[in-house]
């Protein structure tokens, strides 16, 4: 009877260790991916200072997956739209 209990205990221990080892092995690729640095592209576009032209450019780049991050004034007459993707 003692041998059966001991066998069951070893079986449970073996299954538990195998499961933990498997999860650690599978978890490694996810940990590596989480540490990869993000890479961005930037685009600077000078536009005419009228609302319609700016809105057209914003919609065009937004449809392409670009996000507007800043609007500095270049030579005070032509705003620059800075996009990030």
Protein backbone atom coordinates (compact mmCIF):
# COMPACT_ATOMS: atom_id res chain seq x y z
CA UNK A 1 0.00 0.00 0.00
CA UNK A 2 2.89 2.31 0.85
CA UNK A 3 4.51 1.58 -2.51
CA UNK A 4 1.33 2.60 -4.35
CA UNK A 5 1.15 5.93 -2.45
CA UNK A 6 4.83 6.55 -3.12
CA UNK A 7 4.34 5.77 -6.83
CA UNK A 8 1.37 8.15 -7.04
CA UNK A 9 3.37 10.88 -5.28
CA UNK A 10 6.27 10.45 -7.73
CA UNK A 11 3.86 10.46 -10.65
CA UNK A 12 2.23 13.71 -9.48
CA UNK A 13 5.66 15.26 -8.90
CA UNK A 14 6.82 14.23 -12.37
CA UNK A 15 3.71 15.61 -14.07
CA UNK A 16 3.99 18.87 -12.11
CA UNK A 17 7.67 19.35 -12.98
CA UNK A 18 7.00 18.51 -16.62
CA UNK A 19 4.18 21.04 -16.77
CA UNK A 20 6.28 23.78 -15.16
CA UNK A 21 9.20 23.02 -17.50
CA UNK A 22 6.92 23.12 -20.52
CA UNK A 23 5.40 26.46 -19.49
CA UNK A 24 8.84 27.97 -18.89
CA UNK A 25 10.03 26.73 -22.27
CA UNK A 26 6.97 28.11 -24.07
CA UNK A 27 7.11 31.41 -22.15
CA UNK A 28 10.63 32.29 -23.39
CA UNK A 29 9.66 33.55 -26.88
CA UNK A 30 7.02 35.85 -25.38
CA UNK A 31 9.52 37.36 -22.95
CA UNK A 32 11.97 38.03 -25.78
CA UNK A 33 9.33 39.69 -27.95
CA UNK A 34 8.27 41.97 -25.12
CA UNK A 35 11.83 43.35 -24.87
CA UNK A 36 12.21 44.31 -28.53
CA UNK A 37 12.40 48.08 -28.96
CA UNK A 38 9.61 49.76 -30.87
CA UNK A 39 10.63 51.21 -34.19
CA UNK A 40 8.90 54.23 -35.62
CA UNK A 41 8.96 56.02 -38.94
CA UNK A 42 8.51 59.78 -39.07
CA UNK A 43 7.30 61.97 -41.88
CA UNK A 44 7.45 65.79 -42.00
CA UNK A 45 5.07 67.45 -44.45
CA UNK A 46 4.86 71.18 -45.15
CA UNK A 47 1.36 72.27 -46.09
CA UNK A 48 -0.33 75.48 -47.15
CA UNK A 49 -1.83 77.29 -44.15
CA UNK A 50 -5.46 76.83 -45.20
CA UNK A 51 -7.83 74.54 -43.35
CA UNK A 52 -8.97 72.53 -46.37
CA UNK A 53 -5.41 71.69 -47.46
CA UNK A 54 -4.39 70.69 -43.94
CA UNK A 55 -7.50 68.54 -43.51
CA UNK A 56 -6.85 66.79 -46.83
CA UNK A 57 -3.26 65.95 -45.78
CA UNK A 58 -4.38 64.80 -42.31
CA UNK A 59 -6.98 62.45 -43.81
CA UNK A 60 -4.53 61.16 -46.42
CA UNK A 61 -1.82 60.27 -43.91
CA UNK A 62 -4.31 59.03 -41.31
CA UNK A 63 -5.72 56.56 -43.84
CA UNK A 64 -2.17 55.29 -44.37
CA UNK A 65 -1.74 54.52 -40.66
CA UNK A 66 0.21 57.67 -39.76
CA UNK A 67 -0.46 59.47 -36.49
CA UNK A 68 -0.06 63.26 -36.18
CA UNK A 69 2.35 64.05 -33.33
CA UNK A 70 3.19 67.77 -33.78
CA UNK A 71 2.38 70.86 -35.80
CA UNK A 72 5.26 73.34 -35.54
CA UNK A 73 5.17 76.47 -37.68
CA UNK A 74 8.07 76.35 -40.14
CA UNK A 75 8.72 79.82 -41.51
CA UNK A 76 5.59 81.14 -39.76
CA UNK A 77 3.72 80.87 -43.07
CA UNK A 78 3.85 77.13 -43.74
CA UNK A 79 2.89 74.77 -40.93
CA UNK A 80 4.68 71.44 -40.76
CA UNK A 81 2.74 68.30 -39.96
CA UNK A 82 4.89 65.69 -38.22
CA UNK A 83 3.53 62.15 -38.44
CA UNK A 84 4.65 58.95 -36.74
CA UNK A 85 3.95 55.36 -37.77
